[in-house]
Amino acid sequence: MKRWVTVAELVALAGVVIAGLTLWNSWSERRASADEKVAVAAGEARSRSRLDLTATPANGGERLVLASGDHELAEVSIAFPKALGVSAKRPATPAIDSAWFREPLLKRTDGGADARDGTLPVLVTARYWDGEAARTATAVYDVVWETEGRVLRGRTFRLTAMRLSDRGGTPAALERAWKRAGL
């Protein structure tokens, strides 16, 4: 006995197919939305944990005081290019003091104009707090300096700023930056 499918049965079958597709679409949208929320949260966490140092000149350009607007700095160490002949420093307060490298840098720039400016690459390693977690970040920064001639006692030397050069700093990156600085 042959049985034909009625129009009502076709409509019911189409309804079941449409309901199944709607259910699948709703599930995939919720899954995509959840994945997007997880990605946004992870990106915000990385952004919050990244260390961005700022430097403010102090004592008439004798020092650059280091700070981070988002994190409390626990300890900072500053390494200089080997050719400059200055050992690494670990100051008690996060700062870069011009007395550490003023004389070697002035010797390298003697014989030229008294009024000069330039950059000195340094490798900064900072230990800081990200909430309850202690983290460490290393980067190459360019310390911006300038000199001016004086009537007596040679030239003045002043630190004016600090700029990020290479976020994932290494000693090799510091030496490459030193060669680019051309001192």
N, C-alpha and C. Protein backbone atom coordinates (compact mmCIF):
# COMPACT_ATOMS: atom_id res chain seq x y z
N MET A 1 0.81 -1.16 0.00
CA MET A 1 0.00 0.00 0.00
C MET A 1 0.87 1.25 0.00
N LYS A 2 0.63 2.08 -0.97
CA LYS A 2 1.37 3.31 -1.12
C LYS A 2 0.67 4.42 -0.37
N ARG A 3 1.49 5.22 0.30
CA ARG A 3 0.92 6.34 1.03
C ARG A 3 1.60 7.61 0.57
N TRP A 4 0.82 8.59 0.25
CA TRP A 4 1.35 9.88 -0.16
C TRP A 4 1.51 10.78 1.06
N VAL A 5 2.55 11.66 1.02
CA VAL A 5 2.79 12.62 2.11
C VAL A 5 1.85 13.80 1.87
N THR A 6 1.14 14.16 2.90
CA THR A 6 0.19 15.28 2.78
C THR A 6 0.90 16.61 2.98
N VAL A 7 0.24 17.67 2.59
CA VAL A 7 0.78 19.02 2.74
C VAL A 7 0.98 19.35 4.21
N ALA A 8 0.08 18.90 5.05
CA ALA A 8 0.19 19.17 6.49
C ALA A 8 1.45 18.52 7.07
N GLU A 9 1.75 17.32 6.61
CA GLU A 9 2.96 16.65 7.09
C GLU A 9 4.22 17.36 6.59
N LEU A 10 4.21 17.89 5.37
CA LEU A 10 5.35 18.67 4.85
C LEU A 10 5.55 19.95 5.66
N VAL A 11 4.45 20.61 5.98
CA VAL A 11 4.54 21.84 6.78
C VAL A 11 5.10 21.52 8.17
N ALA A 12 4.66 20.43 8.78
CA ALA A 12 5.16 20.04 10.10
C ALA A 12 6.65 19.71 10.04
N LEU A 13 7.07 19.01 8.99
CA LEU A 13 8.48 18.68 8.82
C LEU A 13 9.32 19.94 8.63
N ALA A 14 8.84 20.88 7.84
CA ALA A 14 9.55 22.15 7.65
C ALA A 14 9.65 22.90 8.97
N GLY A 15 8.61 22.87 9.76
CA GLY A 15 8.63 23.53 11.08
C GLY A 15 9.69 22.94 11.99
N VAL A 16 9.83 21.61 11.99
CA VAL A 16 10.85 20.94 12.80
C VAL A 16 12.25 21.34 12.33
N VAL A 17 12.45 21.38 11.01
CA VAL A 17 13.76 21.77 10.46
C VAL A 17 14.08 23.22 10.83
N ILE A 18 13.12 24.12 10.70
CA ILE A 18 13.34 25.53 11.04
C ILE A 18 13.63 25.68 12.53
N ALA A 19 12.91 24.97 13.37
CA ALA A 19 13.17 25.04 14.82
C ALA A 19 14.57 24.54 15.14
N GLY A 20 15.02 23.49 14.50
CA GLY A 20 16.37 22.97 14.71
C GLY A 20 17.43 23.96 14.28
N LEU A 21 17.25 24.60 13.13
CA LEU A 21 18.20 25.61 12.66
C LEU A 21 18.24 26.82 13.58
N THR A 22 17.08 27.23 14.09
CA THR A 22 17.02 28.36 15.03
C THR A 22 17.77 28.02 16.31
N LEU A 23 17.58 26.83 16.82
CA LEU A 23 18.29 26.39 18.03
C LEU A 23 19.80 26.38 17.81
N TRP A 24 20.24 25.86 16.69
CA TRP A 24 21.68 25.81 16.39
C TRP A 24 22.24 27.23 16.27
N ASN A 25 21.53 28.14 15.59
CA ASN A 25 21.97 29.52 15.42
C ASN A 25 22.11 30.22 16.77
N SER A 26 21.14 30.04 17.65
CA SER A 26 21.18 30.65 18.98
C SER A 26 22.37 30.13 19.77
N TRP A 27 22.61 28.83 19.73
CA TRP A 27 23.72 28.23 20.46
C TRP A 27 25.06 28.76 19.95
N SER A 28 25.24 28.86 18.62
CA SER A 28 26.52 29.32 18.07
C SER A 28 26.76 30.81 18.38
N GLU A 29 25.69 31.62 18.41
CA GLU A 29 25.85 33.04 18.77
C GLU A 29 26.28 33.18 20.22
N ARG A 30 25.68 32.40 21.12
CA ARG A 30 26.08 32.46 22.54
C ARG A 30 27.52 32.03 22.72
N ARG A 31 27.93 31.00 21.99
CA ARG A 31 29.31 30.52 22.09
C ARG A 31 30.29 31.58 21.57
N ALA A 32 29.96 32.22 20.45
CA ALA A 32 30.83 33.28 19.90
C ALA A 32 30.90 34.46 20.85
N SER A 33 29.78 34.81 21.46
CA SER A 33 29.75 35.92 22.41
C SER A 33 30.61 35.61 23.64
N ALA A 34 30.54 34.38 24.13
CA ALA A 34 31.34 33.98 25.28
C ALA A 34 32.83 34.00 24.93
N ASP A 35 33.19 33.51 23.74
CA ASP A 35 34.59 33.54 23.31
C ASP A 35 35.10 34.97 23.20
N GLU A 36 34.27 35.86 22.68
CA GLU A 36 34.65 37.26 22.54
C GLU A 36 34.87 37.90 23.91
N LYS A 37 34.01 37.60 24.88
CA LYS A 37 34.16 38.15 26.23
C LYS A 37 35.45 37.67 26.88
N VAL A 38 35.78 36.39 26.68
CA VAL A 38 37.03 35.84 27.23
C VAL A 38 38.23 36.54 26.59
N ALA A 39 38.20 36.76 25.28
CA ALA A 39 39.31 37.42 24.59
C ALA A 39 39.47 38.86 25.06
N VAL A 40 38.37 39.57 25.24
CA VAL A 40 38.43 40.96 25.72
C VAL A 40 39.00 41.00 27.13
N ALA A 41 38.56 40.10 28.00
CA ALA A 41 39.05 40.07 29.38
C ALA A 41 40.55 39.75 29.41
N ALA A 42 40.99 38.84 28.57
CA ALA A 42 42.42 38.49 28.53
C ALA A 42 43.24 39.68 28.03
N GLY A 43 42.73 40.39 27.02
CA GLY A 43 43.43 41.56 26.51
C GLY A 43 43.53 42.66 27.54
N GLU A 44 42.46 42.87 28.31
CA GLU A 44 42.49 43.88 29.37
C GLU A 44 43.47 43.50 30.46
N ALA A 45 43.54 42.22 30.81
CA ALA A 45 44.48 41.76 31.84
C ALA A 45 45.91 41.97 31.37
N ARG A 46 46.21 41.66 30.09
CA ARG A 46 47.56 41.90 29.57
C ARG A 46 47.88 43.39 29.58
N SER A 47 46.92 44.20 29.20
CA SER A 47 47.12 45.64 29.17
C SER A 47 47.39 46.19 30.57
N ARG A 48 46.66 45.69 31.56
CA ARG A 48 46.86 46.16 32.94
C ARG A 48 48.20 45.70 33.49
N SER A 49 48.68 44.53 33.07
CA SER A 49 49.92 44.00 33.63
C SER A 49 51.16 44.56 32.93
N ARG A 50 50.98 45.23 31.78
CA ARG A 50 52.12 45.80 31.06
C ARG A 50 52.66 47.01 31.82
N LEU A 51 53.97 47.13 31.87
CA LEU A 51 54.61 48.22 32.59
C LEU A 51 55.00 49.32 31.61
N ASP A 52 54.51 50.52 31.85
CA ASP A 52 54.87 51.70 31.08
C ASP A 52 55.52 52.70 32.02
N LEU A 53 56.84 52.89 31.88
CA LEU A 53 57.56 53.82 32.75
C LEU A 53 57.51 55.23 32.19
N THR A 54 57.44 56.19 33.10
CA THR A 54 57.59 57.60 32.73
C THR A 54 58.75 58.15 33.53
N ALA A 55 59.36 59.21 33.01
CA ALA A 55 60.50 59.82 33.68
C ALA A 55 60.27 61.32 33.78
N THR A 56 60.50 61.85 34.97
CA THR A 56 60.34 63.28 35.21
C THR A 56 61.68 63.85 35.63
N PRO A 57 62.18 64.88 34.92
CA PRO A 57 63.45 65.50 35.33
C PRO A 57 63.33 66.12 36.72
N ALA A 58 64.38 65.97 37.52
CA ALA A 58 64.41 66.54 38.87
C ALA A 58 65.80 67.16 39.10
N ASN A 59 65.88 68.05 40.06
CA ASN A 59 67.14 68.73 40.43
C ASN A 59 67.79 69.39 39.22
N GLY A 60 67.00 70.09 38.43
CA GLY A 60 67.55 70.81 37.28
C GLY A 60 68.12 69.91 36.20
N GLY A 61 67.58 68.71 36.07
CA GLY A 61 68.06 67.78 35.05
C GLY A 61 69.18 66.87 35.52
N GLU A 62 69.47 66.87 36.81
CA GLU A 62 70.49 65.97 37.36
C GLU A 62 70.00 64.53 37.44
N ARG A 63 68.67 64.35 37.57
CA ARG A 63 68.08 63.02 37.73
C ARG A 63 66.82 62.91 36.91
N LEU A 64 66.47 61.69 36.57
CA LEU A 64 65.17 61.36 36.00
C LEU A 64 64.49 60.44 37.01
N VAL A 65 63.38 60.88 37.56
CA VAL A 65 62.64 60.07 38.52
C VAL A 65 61.67 59.19 37.73
N LEU A 66 61.78 57.88 37.96
CA LEU A 66 60.97 56.91 37.22
C LEU A 66 59.69 56.58 37.99
N ALA A 67 58.62 56.41 37.25
CA ALA A 67 57.33 56.06 37.86
C ALA A 67 56.50 55.29 36.85
N SER A 68 55.49 54.63 37.38
CA SER A 68 54.49 53.96 36.55
C SER A 68 53.14 54.37 37.10
N GLY A 69 52.27 54.84 36.24
CA GLY A 69 50.96 55.27 36.69
C GLY A 69 50.08 54.12 37.15
N ASP A 70 50.35 52.92 36.68
CA ASP A 70 49.48 51.78 36.98
C ASP A 70 50.02 50.83 38.03
N HIS A 71 51.32 50.89 38.31
CA HIS A 71 51.92 49.88 39.18
C HIS A 71 52.87 50.53 40.18
N GLU A 72 53.04 49.84 41.29
CA GLU A 72 54.02 50.25 42.30
C GLU A 72 55.35 49.58 41.96
N LEU A 73 56.39 50.40 41.76
CA LEU A 73 57.71 49.86 41.44
C LEU A 73 58.38 49.38 42.73
N ALA A 74 58.84 48.14 42.72
CA ALA A 74 59.52 47.59 43.89
C ALA A 74 61.03 47.78 43.78
N GLU A 75 61.57 47.57 42.60
CA GLU A 75 63.02 47.64 42.41
C GLU A 75 63.32 47.91 40.94
N VAL A 76 64.36 48.70 40.70
CA VAL A 76 64.75 49.02 39.33
C VAL A 76 66.26 48.85 39.22
N SER A 77 66.71 48.26 38.09
CA SER A 77 68.14 48.22 37.82
C SER A 77 68.36 48.78 36.41
N ILE A 78 69.45 49.52 36.26
CA ILE A 78 69.76 50.17 34.99
C ILE A 78 71.12 49.67 34.53
N ALA A 79 71.16 49.15 33.29
CA ALA A 79 72.42 48.68 32.69
C ALA A 79 72.76 49.61 31.54
N PHE A 80 74.04 49.88 31.38
CA PHE A 80 74.54 50.79 30.35
C PHE A 80 75.30 50.01 29.29
N PRO A 81 75.48 50.59 28.10
CA PRO A 81 76.27 49.90 27.07
C PRO A 81 77.69 49.65 27.56
N LYS A 82 78.26 48.51 27.18
CA LYS A 82 79.61 48.14 27.62
C LYS A 82 80.65 49.18 27.22
N ALA A 83 80.52 49.75 26.03
CA ALA A 83 81.51 50.70 25.53
C ALA A 83 81.59 51.96 26.38
N LEU A 84 80.55 52.27 27.11
CA LEU A 84 80.55 53.47 27.95
C LEU A 84 81.39 53.25 29.21
N GLY A 85 81.55 52.00 29.62
CA GLY A 85 82.38 51.69 30.78
C GLY A 85 81.74 52.02 32.11
N VAL A 86 80.41 52.00 32.18
CA VAL A 86 79.69 52.29 33.42
C VAL A 86 79.02 51.00 33.88
N SER A 87 79.20 50.66 35.15
CA SER A 87 78.59 49.43 35.67
C SER A 87 77.09 49.63 35.89
N ALA A 88 76.38 48.52 35.97
CA ALA A 88 74.93 48.56 36.21
C ALA A 88 74.65 49.16 37.58
N LYS A 89 73.53 49.84 37.69
CA LYS A 89 73.15 50.50 38.94
C LYS A 89 71.81 49.97 39.42
N ARG A 90 71.67 49.90 40.75
CA ARG A 90 70.40 49.54 41.39
C ARG A 90 70.11 50.61 42.45
N PRO A 91 69.48 51.70 42.02
CA PRO A 91 69.23 52.78 42.97
C PRO A 91 68.18 52.40 44.02
N ALA A 92 68.28 53.05 45.19
CA ALA A 92 67.32 52.79 46.26
C ALA A 92 65.93 53.30 45.88
N THR A 93 65.88 54.41 45.17
CA THR A 93 64.60 54.92 44.66
C THR A 93 64.67 54.84 43.14
N PRO A 94 63.55 54.56 42.49
CA PRO A 94 63.57 54.42 41.03
C PRO A 94 63.93 55.75 40.34
N ALA A 95 65.18 55.86 39.94
CA ALA A 95 65.65 57.09 39.29
C ALA A 95 66.92 56.78 38.50
N ILE A 96 67.21 57.65 37.54
CA ILE A 96 68.46 57.59 36.79
C ILE A 96 69.20 58.87 37.11
N ASP A 97 70.41 58.74 37.62
CA ASP A 97 71.21 59.90 38.04
C ASP A 97 72.26 60.18 36.97
N SER A 98 72.36 61.43 36.54
CA SER A 98 73.32 61.80 35.49
C SER A 98 74.76 61.62 35.94
N ALA A 99 75.02 61.66 37.25
CA ALA A 99 76.39 61.50 37.75
C ALA A 99 76.96 60.13 37.40
N TRP A 100 76.10 59.15 37.16
CA TRP A 100 76.56 57.81 36.83
C TRP A 100 77.31 57.76 35.50
N PHE A 101 76.91 58.59 34.55
CA PHE A 101 77.48 58.49 33.20
C PHE A 101 77.84 59.83 32.58
N ARG A 102 77.73 60.92 33.30
CA ARG A 102 78.00 62.25 32.75
C ARG A 102 79.41 62.38 32.20
N GLU A 103 80.42 62.04 33.00
CA GLU A 103 81.81 62.21 32.57
C GLU A 103 82.17 61.35 31.35
N PRO A 104 81.85 60.05 31.34
CA PRO A 104 82.17 59.27 30.13
C PRO A 104 81.46 59.79 28.88
N LEU A 105 80.23 60.26 29.04
CA LEU A 105 79.49 60.77 27.89
C LEU A 105 80.04 62.11 27.42
N LEU A 106 80.42 62.97 28.35
CA LEU A 106 81.03 64.25 27.97
C LEU A 106 82.37 64.03 27.26
N LYS A 107 83.15 63.05 27.71
CA LYS A 107 84.42 62.74 27.04
C LYS A 107 84.18 62.29 25.60
N ARG A 108 83.13 61.49 25.39
CA ARG A 108 82.83 61.00 24.04
C ARG A 108 82.34 62.10 23.12
N THR A 109 81.79 63.17 23.68
CA THR A 109 81.26 64.26 22.85
C THR A 109 82.17 65.48 22.82
N ASP A 110 83.36 65.39 23.42
CA ASP A 110 84.32 66.51 23.37
C ASP A 110 84.78 66.76 21.94
N GLY A 111 85.14 68.00 21.67
CA GLY A 111 85.68 68.35 20.36
C GLY A 111 84.62 68.84 19.39
N GLY A 112 83.39 68.74 19.75
CA GLY A 112 82.31 69.21 18.88
C GLY A 112 81.70 70.48 19.45
N ALA A 113 80.51 70.76 19.02
CA ALA A 113 79.79 71.93 19.50
C ALA A 113 79.47 71.76 20.99
N ASP A 114 79.48 72.89 21.72
CA ASP A 114 79.14 72.83 23.14
C ASP A 114 77.66 72.53 23.35
N ALA A 115 76.81 73.10 22.53
CA ALA A 115 75.37 72.86 22.65
C ALA A 115 75.01 71.65 21.80
N ARG A 116 74.72 70.56 22.48
CA ARG A 116 74.36 69.31 21.80
C ARG A 116 73.22 68.65 22.53
N ASP A 117 72.59 67.74 21.83
CA ASP A 117 71.62 66.88 22.48
C ASP A 117 71.73 65.50 21.86
N GLY A 118 71.23 64.51 22.56
CA GLY A 118 71.30 63.15 22.05
C GLY A 118 70.58 62.19 22.97
N THR A 119 70.75 60.92 22.67
CA THR A 119 70.12 59.88 23.49
C THR A 119 71.16 58.85 23.90
N LEU A 120 70.95 58.31 25.07
CA LEU A 120 71.78 57.24 25.59
C LEU A 120 70.88 56.05 25.87
N PRO A 121 71.06 54.94 25.15
CA PRO A 121 70.22 53.77 25.43
C PRO A 121 70.63 53.11 26.74
N VAL A 122 69.64 52.72 27.52
CA VAL A 122 69.87 52.01 28.78
C VAL A 122 68.88 50.84 28.84
N LEU A 123 69.30 49.79 29.52
CA LEU A 123 68.44 48.62 29.73
C LEU A 123 67.86 48.72 31.13
N VAL A 124 66.55 48.89 31.21
CA VAL A 124 65.88 49.04 32.50
C VAL A 124 65.14 47.74 32.82
N THR A 125 65.46 47.17 33.98
CA THR A 125 64.76 46.00 34.48
C THR A 125 64.03 46.43 35.74
N ALA A 126 62.71 46.31 35.71
CA ALA A 126 61.90 46.76 36.84
C ALA A 126 61.11 45.59 37.40
N ARG A 127 61.13 45.49 38.71
CA ARG A 127 60.26 44.55 39.41
C ARG A 127 59.13 45.39 39.98
N TYR A 128 57.89 44.97 39.73
CA TYR A 128 56.75 45.77 40.14
C TYR A 128 55.61 44.88 40.58
N TRP A 129 54.60 45.50 41.19
CA TRP A 129 53.44 44.77 41.67
C TRP A 129 52.27 44.99 40.74
N ASP A 130 51.65 43.89 40.33
CA ASP A 130 50.42 43.92 39.54
C ASP A 130 49.35 43.28 40.41
N GLY A 131 48.67 44.11 41.19
CA GLY A 131 47.75 43.57 42.19
C GLY A 131 48.56 42.87 43.26
N GLU A 132 48.34 41.59 43.44
CA GLU A 132 49.09 40.80 44.43
C GLU A 132 50.25 40.04 43.82
N ALA A 133 50.42 40.13 42.50
CA ALA A 133 51.46 39.37 41.81
C ALA A 133 52.69 40.24 41.56
N ALA A 134 53.86 39.71 41.88
CA ALA A 134 55.13 40.40 41.57
C ALA A 134 55.53 40.03 40.15
N ARG A 135 55.84 41.03 39.36
CA ARG A 135 56.23 40.80 37.96
C ARG A 135 57.54 41.53 37.68
N THR A 136 58.18 41.14 36.57
CA THR A 136 59.41 41.78 36.14
C THR A 136 59.28 42.13 34.66
N ALA A 137 59.73 43.32 34.31
CA ALA A 137 59.72 43.76 32.91
C ALA A 137 61.09 44.33 32.58
N THR A 138 61.56 44.05 31.38
CA THR A 138 62.85 44.57 30.90
C THR A 138 62.62 45.24 29.56
N ALA A 139 63.21 46.44 29.41
CA ALA A 139 63.04 47.18 28.16
C ALA A 139 64.24 48.09 27.96
N VAL A 140 64.50 48.42 26.70
CA VAL A 140 65.53 49.40 26.37
C VAL A 140 64.84 50.76 26.24
N TYR A 141 65.36 51.73 26.98
CA TYR A 141 64.86 53.10 26.94
C TYR A 141 65.97 54.00 26.44
N ASP A 142 65.61 55.09 25.78
CA ASP A 142 66.56 56.12 25.39
C ASP A 142 66.46 57.26 26.39
N VAL A 143 67.56 57.53 27.09
CA VAL A 143 67.63 58.67 27.99
C VAL A 143 68.04 59.87 27.14
N VAL A 144 67.22 60.91 27.14
CA VAL A 144 67.47 62.10 26.33
C VAL A 144 68.27 63.09 27.18
N TRP A 145 69.40 63.57 26.62
CA TRP A 145 70.27 64.50 27.34
C TRP A 145 70.59 65.69 26.45
N GLU A 146 71.09 66.75 27.08
CA GLU A 146 71.54 67.92 26.33
C GLU A 146 72.69 68.58 27.08
N THR A 147 73.56 69.22 26.31
CA THR A 147 74.69 69.96 26.89
C THR A 147 74.63 71.40 26.40
N GLU A 148 75.21 72.29 27.20
CA GLU A 148 75.35 73.70 26.83
C GLU A 148 76.71 74.17 27.31
N GLY A 149 77.30 75.08 26.55
CA GLY A 149 78.59 75.62 26.93
C GLY A 149 78.45 76.66 28.04
N ARG A 150 79.49 76.73 28.89
CA ARG A 150 79.56 77.76 29.94
C ARG A 150 80.85 78.52 29.76
N VAL A 151 80.88 79.72 30.27
CA VAL A 151 82.09 80.54 30.18
C VAL A 151 83.21 79.88 30.99
N LEU A 152 82.90 79.44 32.16
CA LEU A 152 83.86 78.74 33.02
C LEU A 152 83.37 77.33 33.29
N ARG A 153 84.26 76.44 33.55
CA ARG A 153 83.97 75.06 33.96
C ARG A 153 83.28 74.23 32.89
N GLY A 154 83.68 74.33 31.66
CA GLY A 154 83.24 73.41 30.60
C GLY A 154 81.79 73.53 30.21
N ARG A 155 81.12 72.37 30.13
CA ARG A 155 79.74 72.32 29.66
C ARG A 155 78.80 71.82 30.75
N THR A 156 77.55 72.27 30.68
CA THR A 156 76.52 71.73 31.56
C THR A 156 75.96 70.47 30.90
N PHE A 157 75.49 69.59 31.72
CA PHE A 157 74.91 68.34 31.23
C PHE A 157 73.58 68.16 31.95
N ARG A 158 72.51 67.94 31.16
CA ARG A 158 71.17 67.87 31.73
C ARG A 158 70.41 66.71 31.10
N LEU A 159 69.64 66.00 31.92
CA LEU A 159 68.74 64.96 31.44
C LEU A 159 67.36 65.58 31.25
N THR A 160 66.71 65.31 30.12
CA THR A 160 65.43 65.96 29.84
C THR A 160 64.25 65.00 29.75
N ALA A 161 64.47 63.75 29.34
CA ALA A 161 63.34 62.84 29.15
C ALA A 161 63.85 61.41 29.00
N MET A 162 62.90 60.50 28.86
CA MET A 162 63.22 59.10 28.60
C MET A 162 62.10 58.55 27.71
N ARG A 163 62.50 57.80 26.66
CA ARG A 163 61.53 57.23 25.71
C ARG A 163 61.76 55.73 25.60
N LEU A 164 60.67 55.00 25.42
CA LEU A 164 60.75 53.57 25.20
C LEU A 164 61.31 53.30 23.81
N SER A 165 62.31 52.41 23.75
CA SER A 165 62.92 52.06 22.47
C SER A 165 62.57 50.63 22.05
N ASP A 166 62.66 49.68 23.01
CA ASP A 166 62.42 48.26 22.70
C ASP A 166 61.82 47.61 23.94
N ARG A 167 60.54 47.23 23.87
CA ARG A 167 59.84 46.70 25.04
C ARG A 167 60.44 45.39 25.54
N GLY A 168 60.86 44.50 24.69
CA GLY A 168 61.44 43.23 25.11
C GLY A 168 62.95 43.32 25.17
N GLY A 169 63.46 44.24 25.96
CA GLY A 169 64.89 44.54 25.96
C GLY A 169 65.78 43.40 26.41
N THR A 170 66.93 43.31 25.77
CA THR A 170 67.97 42.34 26.13
C THR A 170 69.31 43.07 26.08
N PRO A 171 70.35 42.51 26.67
CA PRO A 171 71.67 43.14 26.54
C PRO A 171 72.11 43.31 25.08
N ALA A 172 71.77 42.35 24.22
CA ALA A 172 72.12 42.46 22.80
C ALA A 172 71.37 43.63 22.15
N ALA A 173 70.10 43.81 22.51
CA ALA A 173 69.32 44.93 21.98
C ALA A 173 69.90 46.25 22.46
N LEU A 174 70.40 46.29 23.68
CA LEU A 174 71.04 47.50 24.21
C LEU A 174 72.29 47.84 23.40
N GLU A 175 73.09 46.85 23.09
CA GLU A 175 74.31 47.12 22.30
C GLU A 175 73.97 47.57 20.87
N ARG A 176 72.93 46.99 20.29
CA ARG A 176 72.50 47.46 18.94
C ARG A 176 72.02 48.91 19.00
N ALA A 177 71.29 49.25 20.04
CA ALA A 177 70.80 50.63 20.19
C ALA A 177 71.97 51.59 20.41
N TRP A 178 73.01 51.14 21.10
CA TRP A 178 74.20 51.96 21.33
C TRP A 178 74.90 52.27 20.00
N LYS A 179 74.99 51.25 19.14
CA LYS A 179 75.61 51.48 17.82
C LYS A 179 74.79 52.45 16.99
N ARG A 180 73.45 52.35 17.07
CA ARG A 180 72.60 53.29 16.33
C ARG A 180 72.74 54.71 16.87
N ALA A 181 72.98 54.86 18.16
CA ALA A 181 73.10 56.20 18.76
C ALA A 181 74.36 56.90 18.24
N GLY A 182 75.36 56.14 17.82
CA GLY A 182 76.55 56.71 17.20
C GLY A 182 77.45 57.49 18.14
N LEU A 183 77.49 57.12 19.37
CA LEU A 183 78.39 57.78 20.31
C LEU A 183 79.63 56.96 20.42
